[in-house]
PDB file of all heavy atoms in Angstrom:
ATOM      1  N   ALA A   1     103.759 101.067  96.308  1.00  0.00           N
ATOM      2  CA  ALA A   1     102.688 100.301  96.951  1.00  0.00           C
ATOM      3  C   ALA A   1     101.356 100.940  96.600  1.00  0.00           C
ATOM      4  O   ALA A   1     101.266 102.147  96.349  1.00  0.00           O
ATOM      5  CB  ALA A   1     102.878 100.274  98.470  1.00  0.00           C
ATOM      6  N   SER A   2     100.338 100.133  96.576  1.00  0.00           N
ATOM      7  CA  SER A   2      99.002 100.651  96.285  1.00  0.00           C
ATOM      8  C   SER A   2      98.440 101.354  97.509  1.00  0.00           C
ATOM      9  O   SER A   2      98.917 101.166  98.629  1.00  0.00           O
ATOM     10  CB  SER A   2      98.074  99.503  95.874  1.00  0.00           C
ATOM     11  OG  SER A   2      97.992  98.551  96.917  1.00  0.00           O
ATOM     12  N   GLY A   3      97.432 102.143  97.278  1.00  0.00           N
ATOM     13  CA  GLY A   3      96.783 102.802  98.413  1.00  0.00           C
ATOM     14  C   GLY A   3      97.174 104.253  98.527  1.00  0.00           C
ATOM     15  O   GLY A   3      96.999 105.027  97.589  1.00  0.00           O
ATOM     16  N   GLU A   4      97.746 104.608  99.686  1.00  0.00           N
ATOM     17  CA  GLU A   4      97.997 106.010  99.987  1.00  0.00           C
ATOM     18  C   GLU A   4      99.127 106.598  99.142  1.00  0.00           C
ATOM     19  O   GLU A   4      99.840 105.894  98.429  1.00  0.00           O
ATOM     20  CB  GLU A   4      98.316 106.178 101.468  1.00  0.00           C
ATOM     21  CG  GLU A   4      97.161 105.775 102.380  1.00  0.00           C
ATOM     22  CD  GLU A   4      97.379 106.250 103.799  1.00  0.00           C
ATOM     23  OE1 GLU A   4      97.834 107.389 103.973  1.00  0.00           O
ATOM     24  OE2 GLU A   4      97.076 105.485 104.719  1.00  0.00           O
ATOM     25  N   LYS A   5      99.280 107.896  99.277  1.00  0.00           N
ATOM     26  CA  LYS A   5     100.312 108.640  98.537  1.00  0.00           C
ATOM     27  C   LYS A   5     101.697 108.076  98.807  1.00  0.00           C
ATOM     28  O   LYS A   5     102.023 107.723  99.934  1.00  0.00           O
ATOM     29  CB  LYS A   5     100.245 110.111  98.956  1.00  0.00           C
ATOM     30  CG  LYS A   5     101.332 110.988  98.344  1.00  0.00           C
ATOM     31  CD  LYS A   5     101.156 112.418  98.803  1.00  0.00           C
ATOM     32  CE  LYS A   5     102.361 113.260  98.387  1.00  0.00           C
ATOM     33  NZ  LYS A   5     102.550 113.303  96.932  1.00  0.00           N
ATOM     34  N   GLN A   6     102.504 107.984  97.752  1.00  0.00           N
ATOM     35  CA  GLN A   6     103.880 107.515  97.874  1.00  0.00           C
ATOM     36  C   GLN A   6     104.753 108.652  98.418  1.00  0.00           C
ATOM     37  O   GLN A   6     104.532 109.818  98.090  1.00  0.00           O
ATOM     38  CB  GLN A   6     104.408 107.077  96.516  1.00  0.00           C
ATOM     39  CG  GLN A   6     103.492 106.132  95.759  1.00  0.00           C
ATOM     40  CD  GLN A   6     103.392 104.766  96.410  1.00  0.00           C
ATOM     41  OE1 GLN A   6     104.402 104.145  96.680  1.00  0.00           O
ATOM     42  NE2 GLN A   6     102.186 104.323  96.673  1.00  0.00           N
ATOM     43  N   PRO A   7     105.761 108.334  99.217  1.00  0.00           N
ATOM     44  CA  PRO A   7     106.639 109.401  99.731  1.00  0.00           C
ATOM     45  C   PRO A   7     107.537 109.970  98.643  1.00  0.00           C
ATOM     46  O   PRO A   7     108.028 109.242  97.780  1.00  0.00           O
ATOM     47  CB  PRO A   7     107.462 108.679 100.805  1.00  0.00           C
ATOM     48  CG  PRO A   7     107.446 107.250 100.396  1.00  0.00           C
ATOM     49  CD  PRO A   7     106.114 107.017  99.748  1.00  0.00           C
ATOM     50  N   ASP A   8     107.737 111.271  98.664  1.00  0.00           N
ATOM     51  CA  ASP A   8     108.701 111.925  97.792  1.00  0.00           C
ATOM     52  C   ASP A   8     109.379 113.032  98.590  1.00  0.00           C
ATOM     53  O   ASP A   8     109.034 113.280  99.735  1.00  0.00           O
ATOM     54  CB  ASP A   8     108.049 112.465  96.514  1.00  0.00           C
ATOM     55  CG  ASP A   8     106.897 113.419  96.800  1.00  0.00           C
ATOM     56  OD1 ASP A   8     106.755 113.844  97.969  1.00  0.00           O
ATOM     57  OD2 ASP A   8     106.131 113.740  95.877  1.00  0.00           O
ATOM     58  N   ASN A   9     110.371 113.667  98.004  1.00  0.00           N
ATOM     59  CA  ASN A   9     111.155 114.670  98.732  1.00  0.00           C
ATOM     60  C   ASN A   9     111.604 114.131 100.095  1.00  0.00           C
ATOM     61  O   ASN A   9     111.466 114.783 101.133  1.00  0.00           O
ATOM     62  CB  ASN A   9     110.345 115.964  98.914  1.00  0.00           C
ATOM     63  CG  ASN A   9     110.084 116.659  97.599  1.00  0.00           C
ATOM     64  OD1 ASN A   9     110.987 116.937  96.834  1.00  0.00           O
ATOM     65  ND2 ASN A   9     108.817 116.926  97.317  1.00  0.00           N
ATOM     66  N   ILE A  10     112.139 112.917 100.069  1.00  0.00           N
ATOM     67  CA  ILE A  10     112.532 112.217 101.300  1.00  0.00           C
ATOM     68  C   ILE A  10     113.785 112.857 101.904  1.00  0.00           C
ATOM     69  O   ILE A  10     114.751 113.156 101.204  1.00  0.00           O
ATOM     70  CB  ILE A  10     112.769 110.729 101.001  1.00  0.00           C
ATOM     71  CG1 ILE A  10     111.440 110.060 100.613  1.00  0.00           C
ATOM     72  CG2 ILE A  10     113.401 110.019 102.200  1.00  0.00           C
ATOM     73  CD1 ILE A  10     111.592 108.659 100.088  1.00  0.00           C
ATOM     74  N   THR A  11     113.764 113.046 103.217  1.00  0.00           N
ATOM     75  CA  THR A  11     114.887 113.673 103.911  1.00  0.00           C
ATOM     76  C   THR A  11     115.644 112.713 104.834  1.00  0.00           C
ATOM     77  O   THR A  11     116.812 112.937 105.122  1.00  0.00           O
ATOM     78  CB  THR A  11     114.395 114.865 104.751  1.00  0.00           C
ATOM     79  OG1 THR A  11     113.366 114.413 105.652  1.00  0.00           O
ATOM     80  CG2 THR A  11     113.820 115.955 103.846  1.00  0.00           C
ATOM     81  N   ASN A  12     114.966 111.643 105.288  1.00  0.00           N
ATOM     82  CA  ASN A  12     115.630 110.718 106.195  1.00  0.00           C
ATOM     83  C   ASN A  12     114.856 109.410 106.266  1.00  0.00           C
ATOM     84  O   ASN A  12     113.648 109.388 106.016  1.00  0.00           O
ATOM     85  CB  ASN A  12     115.750 111.319 107.601  1.00  0.00           C
ATOM     86  CG  ASN A  12     117.107 111.072 108.224  1.00  0.00           C
ATOM     87  OD1 ASN A  12     117.640 109.966 108.137  1.00  0.00           O
ATOM     88  ND2 ASN A  12     117.670 112.088 108.850  1.00  0.00           N
ATOM     89  N   ILE A  13     115.559 108.337 106.625  1.00  0.00           N
ATOM     90  CA  ILE A  13     114.954 107.006 106.740  1.00  0.00           C
ATOM     91  C   ILE A  13     115.524 106.324 107.971  1.00  0.00           C
ATOM     92  O   ILE A  13     116.726 106.414 108.249  1.00  0.00           O
ATOM     93  CB  ILE A  13     115.256 106.142 105.506  1.00  0.00           C
ATOM     94  CG1 ILE A  13     114.827 106.844 104.211  1.00  0.00           C
ATOM     95  CG2 ILE A  13     114.571 104.789 105.600  1.00  0.00           C
ATOM     96  CD1 ILE A  13     115.265 106.119 102.965  1.00  0.00           C
ATOM     97  N   ILE A  14     114.662 105.595 108.695  1.00  0.00           N
ATOM     98  CA  ILE A  14     115.120 104.867 109.876  1.00  0.00           C
ATOM     99  C   ILE A  14     114.225 103.648 110.073  1.00  0.00           C
ATOM    100  O   ILE A  14     113.084 103.618 109.587  1.00  0.00           O
ATOM    101  CB  ILE A  14     115.096 105.785 111.127  1.00  0.00           C
ATOM    102  CG1 ILE A  14     116.069 105.285 112.183  1.00  0.00           C
ATOM    103  CG2 ILE A  14     113.680 105.936 111.685  1.00  0.00           C
ATOM    104  CD1 ILE A  14     116.339 106.303 113.291  1.00  0.00           C
ATOM    105  N   GLN A  15     114.719 102.628 110.778  1.00  0.00           N
ATOM    106  CA  GLN A  15     113.933 101.424 111.060  1.00  0.00           C
ATOM    107  C   GLN A  15     113.756 101.276 112.565  1.00  0.00           C
ATOM    108  O   GLN A  15     114.718 101.426 113.326  1.00  0.00           O
ATOM    109  CB  GLN A  15     114.609 100.182 110.485  1.00  0.00           C
ATOM    110  CG  GLN A  15     113.787  98.904 110.611  1.00  0.00           C
ATOM    111  CD  GLN A  15     114.444  97.712 109.935  1.00  0.00           C
ATOM    112  OE1 GLN A  15     115.659  97.607 109.895  1.00  0.00           O
ATOM    113  NE2 GLN A  15     113.633  96.815 109.400  1.00  0.00           N
ATOM    114  N   ASP A  16     112.519 100.972 113.004  1.00  0.00           N
ATOM    115  CA  ASP A  16     112.271 100.847 114.438  1.00  0.00           C
ATOM    116  C   ASP A  16     112.422  99.399 114.904  1.00  0.00           C
ATOM    117  O   ASP A  16     112.774  98.506 114.128  1.00  0.00           O
ATOM    118  CB  ASP A  16     110.893 101.416 114.804  1.00  0.00           C
ATOM    119  CG  ASP A  16     109.736 100.570 114.268  1.00  0.00           C
ATOM    120  OD1 ASP A  16     109.962  99.445 113.786  1.00  0.00           O
ATOM    121  OD2 ASP A  16     108.578 101.045 114.336  1.00  0.00           O
ATOM    122  N   GLU A  17     112.156  99.174 116.200  1.00  0.00           N
ATOM    123  CA  GLU A  17     112.382  97.858 116.795  1.00  0.00           C
ATOM    124  C   GLU A  17     111.412  96.795 116.277  1.00  0.00           C
ATOM    125  O   GLU A  17     111.674  95.601 116.396  1.00  0.00           O
ATOM    126  CB  GLU A  17     112.282  97.958 118.329  1.00  0.00           C
ATOM    127  CG  GLU A  17     110.874  98.100 118.908  1.00  0.00           C
ATOM    128  CD  GLU A  17     110.299  99.500 118.768  1.00  0.00           C
ATOM    129  OE1 GLU A  17     111.046 100.414 118.357  1.00  0.00           O
ATOM    130  OE2 GLU A  17     109.112  99.679 119.093  1.00  0.00           O
ATOM    131  N   ARG A  18     110.309  97.211 115.675  1.00  0.00           N
ATOM    132  CA  ARG A  18     109.346  96.248 115.123  1.00  0.00           C
ATOM    133  C   ARG A  18     109.599  95.951 113.649  1.00  0.00           C
ATOM    134  O   ARG A  18     108.907  95.126 113.061  1.00  0.00           O
ATOM    135  CB  ARG A  18     107.917  96.775 115.307  1.00  0.00           C
ATOM    136  CG  ARG A  18     107.475  96.876 116.756  1.00  0.00           C
ATOM    137  CD  ARG A  18     106.003  97.259 116.843  1.00  0.00           C
ATOM    138  NE  ARG A  18     105.788  98.635 116.390  1.00  0.00           N
ATOM    139  CZ  ARG A  18     104.581  99.152 116.152  1.00  0.00           C
ATOM    140  NH1 ARG A  18     103.499  98.392 116.304  1.00  0.00           N
ATOM    141  NH2 ARG A  18     104.465 100.411 115.763  1.00  0.00           N
ATOM    142  N   GLY A  19     110.590  96.625 113.075  1.00  0.00           N
ATOM    143  CA  GLY A  19     110.937  96.380 111.688  1.00  0.00           C
ATOM    144  C   GLY A  19     110.330  97.355 110.703  1.00  0.00           C
ATOM    145  O   GLY A  19     110.631  97.301 109.501  1.00  0.00           O
ATOM    146  N   PHE A  20     109.476  98.260 111.169  1.00  0.00           N
ATOM    147  CA  PHE A  20     108.867  99.245 110.273  1.00  0.00           C
ATOM    148  C   PHE A  20     109.922 100.242 109.788  1.00  0.00           C
ATOM    149  O   PHE A  20     110.807 100.647 110.546  1.00  0.00           O
ATOM    150  CB  PHE A  20     107.746 100.013 110.970  1.00  0.00           C
ATOM    151  CG  PHE A  20     106.518  99.193 111.238  1.00  0.00           C
ATOM    152  CD1 PHE A  20     106.034  99.048 112.532  1.00  0.00           C
ATOM    153  CD2 PHE A  20     105.835  98.571 110.208  1.00  0.00           C
ATOM    154  CE1 PHE A  20     104.902  98.292 112.791  1.00  0.00           C
ATOM    155  CE2 PHE A  20     104.694  97.831 110.448  1.00  0.00           C
ATOM    156  CZ  PHE A  20     104.230  97.679 111.741  1.00  0.00           C
ATOM    157  N   ILE A  21     109.806 100.647 108.540  1.00  0.00           N
ATOM    158  CA  ILE A  21     110.640 101.697 107.983  1.00  0.00           C
ATOM    159  C   ILE A  21     109.881 103.009 108.102  1.00  0.00           C
ATOM    160  O   ILE A  21     108.756 103.135 107.618  1.00  0.00           O
ATOM    161  CB  ILE A  21     110.978 101.420 106.502  1.00  0.00           C
ATOM    162  CG1 ILE A  21     111.729 100.093 106.359  1.00  0.00           C
ATOM    163  CG2 ILE A  21     111.788 102.579 105.927  1.00  0.00           C
ATOM    164  CD1 ILE A  21     113.086 100.076 107.013  1.00  0.00           C
ATOM    165  N   TRP A  22     110.502 103.987 108.764  1.00  0.00           N
ATOM    166  CA  TRP A  22     109.889 105.308 108.931  1.00  0.00           C
ATOM    167  C   TRP A  22     110.627 106.300 108.053  1.00  0.00           C
ATOM    168  O   TRP A  22     111.860 106.348 108.052  1.00  0.00           O
ATOM    169  CB  TRP A  22     109.930 105.741 110.394  1.00  0.00           C
ATOM    170  CG  TRP A  22     109.051 104.902 111.264  1.00  0.00           C
ATOM    171  CD1 TRP A  22     109.410 103.770 111.944  1.00  0.00           C
ATOM    172  CD2 TRP A  22     107.661 105.105 111.530  1.00  0.00           C
ATOM    173  NE1 TRP A  22     108.326 103.259 112.618  1.00  0.00           N
ATOM    174  CE2 TRP A  22     107.241 104.053 112.380  1.00  0.00           C
ATOM    175  CE3 TRP A  22     106.727 106.060 111.135  1.00  0.00           C
ATOM    176  CZ2 TRP A  22     105.934 103.941 112.846  1.00  0.00           C
ATOM    177  CZ3 TRP A  22     105.428 105.950 111.589  1.00  0.00           C
ATOM    178  CH2 TRP A  22     105.039 104.909 112.440  1.00  0.00           C
ATOM    179  N   ILE A  23     109.886 107.078 107.320  1.00  0.00           N
ATOM    180  CA  ILE A  23     110.441 107.977 106.315  1.00  0.00           C
ATOM    181  C   ILE A  23     109.971 109.403 106.584  1.00  0.00           C
ATOM    182  O   ILE A  23     108.758 109.663 106.631  1.00  0.00           O
ATOM    183  CB  ILE A  23     109.988 107.556 104.903  1.00  0.00           C
ATOM    184  CG1 ILE A  23     110.383 106.094 104.637  1.00  0.00           C
ATOM    185  CG2 ILE A  23     110.555 108.478 103.841  1.00  0.00           C
ATOM    186  CD1 ILE A  23     109.650 105.475 103.478  1.00  0.00           C
ATOM    187  N   THR A  24     110.914 110.315 106.759  1.00  0.00           N
ATOM    188  CA  THR A  24     110.545 111.725 106.865  1.00  0.00           C
ATOM    189  C   THR A  24     110.692 112.363 105.487  1.00  0.00           C
ATOM    190  O   THR A  24     111.592 112.023 104.718  1.00  0.00           O
ATOM    191  CB  THR A  24     111.425 112.477 107.878  1.00  0.00           C
ATOM    192  OG1 THR A  24     112.806 112.289 107.541  1.00  0.00           O
ATOM    193  CG2 THR A  24     111.172 111.976 109.279  1.00  0.00           C
ATOM    194  N   SER A  25     109.812 113.288 105.205  1.00  0.00           N
ATOM    195  CA  SER A  25     109.830 113.956 103.910  1.00  0.00           C
ATOM    196  C   SER A  25     109.321 115.380 104.073  1.00  0.00           C
ATOM    197  O   SER A  25     108.888 115.783 105.156  1.00  0.00           O
ATOM    198  CB  SER A  25     108.945 113.194 102.917  1.00  0.00           C
ATOM    199  OG  SER A  25     107.573 113.463 103.167  1.00  0.00           O
ATOM    200  N   LEU A  26     109.335 116.114 102.983  1.00  0.00           N
ATOM    201  CA  LEU A  26     108.772 117.462 102.993  1.00  0.00           C
ATOM    202  C   LEU A  26     107.275 117.430 102.785  1.00  0.00           C
ATOM    203  O   LEU A  26     106.636 118.471 102.646  1.00  0.00           O
ATOM    204  CB  LEU A  26     109.454 118.315 101.925  1.00  0.00           C
ATOM    205  CG  LEU A  26     110.972 118.462 102.080  1.00  0.00           C
ATOM    206  CD1 LEU A  26     111.530 119.377 100.999  1.00  0.00           C
ATOM    207  CD2 LEU A  26     111.335 118.981 103.464  1.00  0.00           C
ATOM    208  N   ASN A  27     106.713 116.217 102.799  1.00  0.00           N
ATOM    209  CA  ASN A  27     105.263 116.019 102.692  1.00  0.00           C
ATOM    210  C   ASN A  27     104.723 115.167 103.828  1.00  0.00           C
ATOM    211  O   ASN A  27     103.733 114.462 103.663  1.00  0.00           O
ATOM    212  CB  ASN A  27     104.910 115.371 101.346  1.00  0.00           C
ATOM    213  CG  ASN A  27     105.199 116.278 100.173  1.00  0.00           C
ATOM    214  OD1 ASN A  27     104.744 117.410 100.135  1.00  0.00           O
ATOM    215  ND2 ASN A  27     105.992 115.801  99.226  1.00  0.00           N
ATOM    216  N   GLY A  28     105.395 115.195 104.971  1.00  0.00           N
ATOM    217  CA  GLY A  28     104.916 114.463 106.131  1.00  0.00           C
ATOM    218  C   GLY A  28     105.740 113.222 106.443  1.00  0.00           C
ATOM    219  O   GLY A  28     106.835 113.009 105.910  1.00  0.00           O
ATOM    220  N   LEU A  29     105.172 112.381 107.314  1.00  0.00           N
ATOM    221  CA  LEU A  29     105.817 111.162 107.794  1.00  0.00           C
ATOM    222  C   LEU A  29     105.153 109.948 107.146  1.00  0.00           C
ATOM    223  O   LEU A  29     103.927 109.912 106.990  1.00  0.00           O
ATOM    224  CB  LEU A  29     105.693 111.087 109.320  1.00  0.00           C
ATOM    225  CG  LEU A  29     106.243 109.846 110.021  1.00  0.00           C
ATOM    226  CD1 LEU A  29     107.768 109.799 109.930  1.00  0.00           C
ATOM    227  CD2 LEU A  29     105.801 109.825 111.486  1.00  0.00           C
ATOM    228  N   PHE A  30     105.978 108.944 106.798  1.00  0.00           N
ATOM    229  CA  PHE A  30     105.452 107.730 106.190  1.00  0.00           C
ATOM    230  C   PHE A  30     105.982 106.507 106.929  1.00  0.00           C
ATOM    231  O   PHE A  30     107.129 106.493 107.386  1.00  0.00           O
ATOM    232  CB  PHE A  30     105.863 107.628 104.712  1.00  0.00           C
ATOM    233  CG  PHE A  30     105.217 108.658 103.831  1.00  0.00           C
ATOM    234  CD1 PHE A  30     105.737 109.940 103.761  1.00  0.00           C
ATOM    235  CD2 PHE A  30     104.104 108.341 103.074  1.00  0.00           C
ATOM    236  CE1 PHE A  30     105.153 110.894 102.942  1.00  0.00           C
ATOM    237  CE2 PHE A  30     103.513 109.282 102.253  1.00  0.00           C
ATOM    238  CZ  PHE A  30     104.034 110.565 102.184  1.00  0.00           C
ATOM    239  N   ARG A  31     105.142 105.483 107.001  1.00  0.00           N
ATOM    240  CA  ARG A  31     105.553 104.188 107.553  1.00  0.00           C
ATOM    241  C   ARG A  31     105.395 103.135 106.463  1.00  0.00           C
ATOM    242  O   ARG A  31     104.352 103.059 105.812  1.00  0.00           O
ATOM    243  CB  ARG A  31     104.689 103.812 108.758  1.00  0.00           C
ATOM    244  CG  ARG A  31     105.188 102.570 109.499  1.00  0.00           C
ATOM    245  CD  ARG A  31     104.154 102.050 110.475  1.00  0.00           C
ATOM    246  NE  ARG A  31     103.041 101.406 109.780  1.00  0.00           N
ATOM    247  CZ  ARG A  31     101.951 100.923 110.400  1.00  0.00           C
ATOM    248  NH1 ARG A  31     101.834 101.053 111.702  1.00  0.00           N
ATOM    249  NH2 ARG A  31     100.992 100.338 109.698  1.00  0.00           N
ATOM    250  N   TYR A  32     106.441 102.323 106.288  1.00  0.00           N
ATOM    251  CA  TYR A  32     106.392 101.250 105.290  1.00  0.00           C
ATOM    252  C   TYR A  32     106.544  99.914 106.004  1.00  0.00           C
ATOM    253  O   TYR A  32     107.496  99.708 106.764  1.00  0.00           O
ATOM    254  CB  TYR A  32     107.508 101.439 104.262  1.00  0.00           C
ATOM    255  CG  TYR A  32     107.500 100.409 103.165  1.00  0.00           C
ATOM    256  CD1 TYR A  32     106.413 100.288 102.297  1.00  0.00           C
ATOM    257  CD2 TYR A  32     108.584  99.547 102.989  1.00  0.00           C
ATOM    258  CE1 TYR A  32     106.403  99.344 101.282  1.00  0.00           C
ATOM    259  CE2 TYR A  32     108.581  98.600 101.968  1.00  0.00           C
ATOM    260  CZ  TYR A  32     107.489  98.507 101.124  1.00  0.00           C
ATOM    261  OH  TYR A  32     107.479  97.565 100.120  1.00  0.00           O
ATOM    262  N   ASP A  33     105.595  99.012 105.783  1.00  0.00           N
ATOM    263  CA  ASP A  33     105.598  97.713 106.461  1.00  0.00           C
ATOM    264  C   ASP A  33     106.052  96.568 105.562  1.00  0.00           C
ATOM    265  O   ASP A  33     105.932  95.402 105.928  1.00  0.00           O
ATOM    266  CB  ASP A  33     104.211  97.404 107.021  1.00  0.00           C
ATOM    267  CG  ASP A  33     103.144  97.297 105.934  1.00  0.00           C
ATOM    268  OD1 ASP A  33     103.483  97.373 104.736  1.00  0.00           O
ATOM    269  OD2 ASP A  33     101.957  97.142 106.293  1.00  0.00           O
ATOM    270  N   GLY A  34     106.576  96.904 104.397  1.00  0.00           N
ATOM    271  CA  GLY A  34     107.004  95.883 103.455  1.00  0.00           C
ATOM    272  C   GLY A  34     105.996  95.643 102.355  1.00  0.00           C
ATOM    273  O   GLY A  34     106.305  94.990 101.346  1.00  0.00           O
ATOM    274  N   PHE A  35     104.776  96.158 102.554  1.00  0.00           N
ATOM    275  CA  PHE A  35     103.711  95.965 101.572  1.00  0.00           C
ATOM    276  C   PHE A  35     103.078  97.283 101.126  1.00  0.00           C
ATOM    277  O   PHE A  35     102.812  97.487  99.955  1.00  0.00           O
ATOM    278  CB  PHE A  35     102.620  95.042 102.130  1.00  0.00           C
ATOM    279  CG  PHE A  35     103.112  93.668 102.485  1.00  0.00           C
ATOM    280  CD1 PHE A  35     103.465  93.365 103.793  1.00  0.00           C
ATOM    281  CD2 PHE A  35     103.245  92.689 101.509  1.00  0.00           C
ATOM    282  CE1 PHE A  35     103.921  92.093 104.129  1.00  0.00           C
ATOM    283  CE2 PHE A  35     103.707  91.424 101.825  1.00  0.00           C
ATOM    284  CZ  PHE A  35     104.054  91.130 103.142  1.00  0.00           C
TER     285      PHE A  35
END
């Protein structure tokens, strides 16, 4: 996706009740909204 830094060194992935994908990594937390 364009914009902010892409996640790498991913350690875990989960989806919340609103449909967002949350990604933990060795470089912080990321939220993906499909775009």
